[in-house]
């Protein structure tokens, strides 16, 4: 006979195997969870890096946009105005110097006549006289050129007036735009009018008035015959 403990020992064998399988499954599950956690952590880390880069880029962009602050704009305007004022002052000084140079060149510098003797005064007067004659010649040339230009301008104006007289632009009358529209509509209506497109037929065959005038009733004819007979008897 078998001992009574043998079935219990036989039953414990499968229990141990199931526990081992369960432990292995739990181990695999934990490993999967750890792998998922590691993967999620890697994804979070990458997202954080991307977010950080985007924030840095936006900050750099904002800093670049905000380069021209109101104070800097004000300072820049002041510098531009100062530079423009300096350039204007330089231009005025240059024009004044050019004007002085031209005046000195045309008029000459004043000469000292207080300590000059008679010969020196004669020479100075002769120089002034020659200069005046030269300036008068130049003046006459300029006046002649101006008169010539004026004559040419007057001639051109007369030619323009002659051309304008040939091609006179007629004065336009004020016409209401609504009248033009109504006239166009009436013209179109006349084109589509059926009565205007019919031909007039002048034949006696189709007239009724003439036939009515020619035909007279019988009683009127008898009266006329009696009247004729009475007139004949009176004459006899």
Protein backbone atom coordinates (compact mmCIF):
# COMPACT_ATOMS: atom_id res chain seq x y z
CA UNK A 1 0.00 0.00 0.00
CA UNK A 2 1.03 3.55 -0.78
CA UNK A 3 1.59 6.05 1.96
CA UNK A 4 -1.08 8.79 2.33
CA UNK A 5 1.47 11.60 1.87
CA UNK A 6 2.22 10.68 -1.71
CA UNK A 7 -0.81 12.43 -3.31
CA UNK A 8 -0.06 15.62 -1.42
CA UNK A 9 3.48 15.64 -2.67
CA UNK A 10 2.24 14.97 -6.19
CA UNK A 11 -0.17 17.92 -5.91
CA UNK A 12 2.56 20.30 -4.70
CA UNK A 13 4.57 19.81 -7.89
CA UNK A 14 2.16 21.69 -10.23
CA UNK A 15 1.71 24.45 -7.63
CA UNK A 16 5.42 25.14 -7.66
CA UNK A 17 5.44 25.31 -11.47
CA UNK A 18 2.53 27.78 -11.54
CA UNK A 19 4.26 29.97 -8.98
CA UNK A 20 7.40 29.99 -11.08
CA UNK A 21 5.41 30.94 -14.21
CA UNK A 22 3.61 33.69 -12.32
CA UNK A 23 6.90 35.03 -11.01
CA UNK A 24 8.37 35.07 -14.49
CA UNK A 25 5.32 36.89 -15.87
CA UNK A 26 5.52 39.44 -13.10
CA UNK A 27 9.23 39.92 -13.82
CA UNK A 28 8.50 40.44 -17.53
CA UNK A 29 5.73 42.88 -16.67
CA UNK A 30 8.02 44.88 -14.41
CA UNK A 31 10.67 44.92 -17.13
CA UNK A 32 8.10 46.17 -19.65
CA UNK A 33 6.96 48.85 -17.23
CA UNK A 34 10.53 49.96 -16.68
CA UNK A 35 11.12 50.07 -20.45
CA UNK A 36 7.96 52.13 -20.96
CA UNK A 37 8.99 54.48 -18.17
CA UNK A 38 12.44 54.87 -19.66
CA UNK A 39 10.94 55.51 -23.11
CA UNK A 40 8.49 58.07 -21.69
CA UNK A 41 11.32 59.75 -19.78
CA UNK A 42 13.34 59.98 -23.01
CA UNK A 43 10.35 61.50 -24.83
CA UNK A 44 9.81 64.01 -22.02
CA UNK A 45 13.49 64.92 -22.08
CA UNK A 46 13.40 65.54 -25.84
CA UNK A 47 10.23 67.61 -25.51
CA UNK A 48 11.86 69.68 -22.78
CA UNK A 49 14.90 70.26 -24.99
CA UNK A 50 12.72 71.33 -27.93
CA UNK A 51 10.68 73.63 -25.69
CA UNK A 52 13.85 75.15 -24.30
CA UNK A 53 15.25 75.79 -27.78
CA UNK A 54 11.98 77.38 -28.89
CA UNK A 55 11.92 79.64 -25.83
CA UNK A 56 15.52 80.70 -26.46
CA UNK A 57 14.74 81.41 -30.12
CA UNK A 58 11.67 83.48 -29.18
CA UNK A 59 13.70 85.42 -26.61
CA UNK A 60 16.41 86.10 -29.17
CA UNK A 61 13.78 87.23 -31.68
CA UNK A 62 12.18 89.54 -29.15
CA UNK A 63 15.57 90.95 -28.24
CA UNK A 64 16.31 91.53 -31.93
CA UNK A 65 12.96 93.25 -32.48
CA UNK A 66 13.41 95.40 -29.43
CA UNK A 67 16.77 96.76 -30.59
CA UNK A 68 15.24 100.14 -31.53
CA UNK A 69 13.89 101.24 -28.19
CA UNK A 70 12.12 104.62 -27.83
CA UNK A 71 15.26 106.15 -26.29
CA UNK A 72 17.40 104.94 -29.17
CA UNK A 73 14.88 106.23 -31.70
CA UNK A 74 14.86 109.63 -30.01
CA UNK A 75 18.66 109.74 -29.95
CA UNK A 76 18.81 108.73 -33.62
CA UNK A 77 16.37 111.49 -34.58
CA UNK A 78 18.46 114.05 -32.71
CA UNK A 79 21.63 112.86 -34.46
CA UNK A 80 19.95 113.05 -37.87
CA UNK A 81 18.69 116.57 -37.19
CA UNK A 82 22.13 117.64 -35.99
CA UNK A 83 23.75 116.15 -39.08
CA UNK A 84 21.22 117.87 -41.37
CA UNK A 85 21.79 121.22 -39.62
CA UNK A 86 25.57 120.85 -40.04
CA UNK A 87 25.19 120.02 -43.73
CA UNK A 88 22.88 123.01 -44.24
CA UNK A 89 25.32 125.31 -42.48
CA UNK A 90 28.20 124.04 -44.63
CA UNK A 91 26.14 124.58 -47.79
CA UNK A 92 25.31 128.15 -46.75
CA UNK A 93 28.97 128.88 -46.00
CA UNK A 94 29.99 127.44 -49.36
CA UNK A 95 27.43 129.59 -51.21
CA UNK A 96 28.52 132.71 -49.30
CA UNK A 97 32.18 132.06 -50.14
CA UNK A 98 31.30 131.51 -53.80
CA UNK A 99 29.30 134.76 -53.83
CA UNK A 100 32.20 136.72 -52.30
CA UNK A 101 34.60 135.22 -54.83
CA UNK A 102 32.38 136.16 -57.77
CA UNK A 103 31.88 139.70 -56.42
CA UNK A 104 35.63 140.17 -55.96
CA UNK A 105 36.26 138.76 -59.42
CA UNK A 106 33.75 141.06 -61.10
CA UNK A 107 34.14 144.22 -59.01
CA UNK A 108 37.70 143.86 -57.83
CA UNK A 109 39.14 144.82 -54.51
CA UNK A 110 39.08 148.48 -53.43
CA UNK A 111 42.39 150.24 -54.05
CA UNK A 112 44.17 152.56 -51.69
CA UNK A 113 43.91 156.07 -53.11
CA UNK A 114 44.73 158.00 -49.95
CA UNK A 115 48.51 157.73 -50.32
CA UNK A 116 48.54 157.59 -54.16
CA UNK A 117 50.12 160.34 -56.27
CA UNK A 118 48.76 161.81 -59.51
CA UNK A 119 50.25 159.17 -61.80
CA UNK A 120 48.93 156.34 -59.67
CA UNK A 121 45.47 157.94 -59.61
CA UNK A 122 45.48 158.26 -63.43
CA UNK A 123 46.44 154.61 -63.77
CA UNK A 124 43.71 153.56 -61.34
CA UNK A 125 41.12 155.64 -63.24
CA UNK A 126 42.21 154.14 -66.56
CA UNK A 127 41.86 150.65 -65.12
CA UNK A 128 38.39 151.47 -63.83
CA UNK A 129 37.40 152.97 -67.20
CA UNK A 130 38.60 149.89 -69.09
CA UNK A 131 36.79 147.64 -66.67
CA UNK A 132 33.56 149.64 -67.05
CA UNK A 133 33.79 149.43 -70.85
CA UNK A 134 34.32 145.68 -70.68
CA UNK A 135 31.36 145.24 -68.33
CA UNK A 136 29.16 147.37 -70.62
CA UNK A 137 30.08 145.12 -73.55
CA UNK A 138 29.16 142.04 -71.55
CA UNK A 139 25.94 143.71 -70.41
CA UNK A 140 24.99 144.56 -74.02
CA UNK A 141 25.64 140.96 -75.09
CA UNK A 142 23.41 139.66 -72.30
CA UNK A 143 20.64 142.13 -73.12
CA UNK A 144 20.78 141.19 -76.82
CA UNK A 145 20.58 137.48 -75.93
CA UNK A 146 17.59 138.15 -73.66
CA UNK A 147 15.78 140.17 -76.37
CA UNK A 148 16.46 137.41 -78.90
CA UNK A 149 15.03 134.79 -76.56
CA UNK A 150 11.97 136.98 -75.88
CA UNK A 151 11.39 137.35 -79.62
CA UNK A 152 11.63 133.57 -80.12
CA UNK A 153 9.21 132.97 -77.24
CA UNK A 154 6.72 135.48 -78.71
CA UNK A 155 7.01 133.82 -82.14
CA UNK A 156 6.37 130.39 -80.66
CA UNK A 157 3.38 131.71 -78.70
CA UNK A 158 1.88 133.18 -81.88
CA UNK A 159 2.33 129.85 -83.67
CA UNK A 160 0.65 128.03 -80.80
CA UNK A 161 -2.26 130.49 -80.86
CA UNK A 162 -2.64 130.01 -84.62
CA UNK A 163 -2.78 126.25 -84.17
CA UNK A 164 -5.32 126.62 -81.38
CA UNK A 165 -7.48 128.80 -83.63
CA UNK A 166 -7.54 126.11 -86.31
CA UNK A 167 -8.58 123.41 -83.91
CA UNK A 168 -11.10 125.08 -81.64
CA UNK A 169 -12.61 122.71 -79.14
CA UNK A 170 -16.41 123.10 -79.20
CA UNK A 171 -18.20 123.90 -75.99
CA UNK A 172 -20.10 120.93 -74.67
CA UNK A 173 -23.68 121.21 -73.51
CA UNK A 174 -24.82 119.85 -70.22
CA UNK A 175 -27.01 116.83 -70.84
CA UNK A 176 -28.66 114.73 -68.19
CA UNK A 177 -27.53 111.14 -68.18
CA UNK A 178 -31.09 109.96 -67.53
CA UNK A 179 -32.34 111.63 -70.73
CA UNK A 180 -29.74 109.72 -72.72
CA UNK A 181 -30.87 106.48 -71.12
CA UNK A 182 -34.53 107.18 -71.90
CA UNK A 183 -33.70 108.06 -75.51
CA UNK A 184 -31.82 104.78 -75.92
CA UNK A 185 -34.72 102.83 -74.43
CA UNK A 186 -37.22 104.55 -76.75
CA UNK A 187 -35.01 103.80 -79.74
CA UNK A 188 -34.84 100.13 -78.81
CA UNK A 189 -38.62 100.03 -78.27
CA UNK A 190 -39.17 101.56 -81.70
CA UNK A 191 -36.96 98.90 -83.26
CA UNK A 192 -39.07 96.14 -81.73
CA UNK A 193 -42.46 97.81 -82.51
CA UNK A 194 -44.52 95.46 -84.74
CA UNK A 195 -46.81 98.16 -86.18
CA UNK A 196 -43.91 100.20 -87.53
CA UNK A 197 -42.60 97.17 -89.41
CA UNK A 198 -45.91 96.56 -91.25
CA UNK A 199 -46.23 97.74 -94.85
CA UNK A 200 -49.08 100.04 -95.92
CA UNK A 201 -51.22 98.52 -98.73
CA UNK A 202 -53.16 101.02 -100.90
CA UNK A 203 -55.50 98.86 -103.02
CA UNK A 204 -59.20 99.49 -103.59
CA UNK A 205 -59.95 95.81 -103.30
CA UNK A 206 -59.34 95.86 -99.59
CA UNK A 207 -61.00 99.21 -98.80
CA UNK A 208 -64.52 99.32 -97.38
CA UNK A 209 -65.21 103.05 -97.23
CA UNK A 210 -65.27 103.62 -101.01
CA UNK A 211 -67.65 100.70 -101.58
CA UNK A 212 -70.00 102.10 -98.98
CA UNK A 213 -70.01 105.49 -100.68
CA UNK A 214 -70.73 104.05 -104.15
CA UNK A 215 -73.53 101.70 -103.09
CA UNK A 216 -76.86 103.42 -102.27
CA UNK A 217 -80.17 101.93 -101.09
CA UNK A 218 -83.00 101.23 -103.57
CA UNK A 219 -85.46 103.69 -102.07
CA UNK A 220 -83.02 106.54 -102.71
CA UNK A 221 -82.81 105.56 -106.39
CA UNK A 222 -86.62 105.59 -106.79
CA UNK A 223 -86.79 109.06 -105.30
CA UNK A 224 -84.22 110.34 -107.75
CA UNK A 225 -86.16 108.81 -110.73
CA UNK A 226 -89.39 110.56 -109.65
CA UNK A 227 -87.56 113.86 -109.30
CA UNK A 228 -86.18 113.56 -112.82
CA UNK A 229 -89.64 112.80 -114.28
CA UNK A 230 -91.21 115.82 -112.55
CA UNK A 231 -88.51 118.11 -113.89
CA UNK A 232 -89.15 116.81 -117.43
CA UNK A 233 -92.94 117.41 -117.14
CA UNK A 234 -92.39 120.96 -115.91
CA UNK A 235 -90.13 121.71 -118.83
CA UNK A 236 -92.70 120.31 -121.32
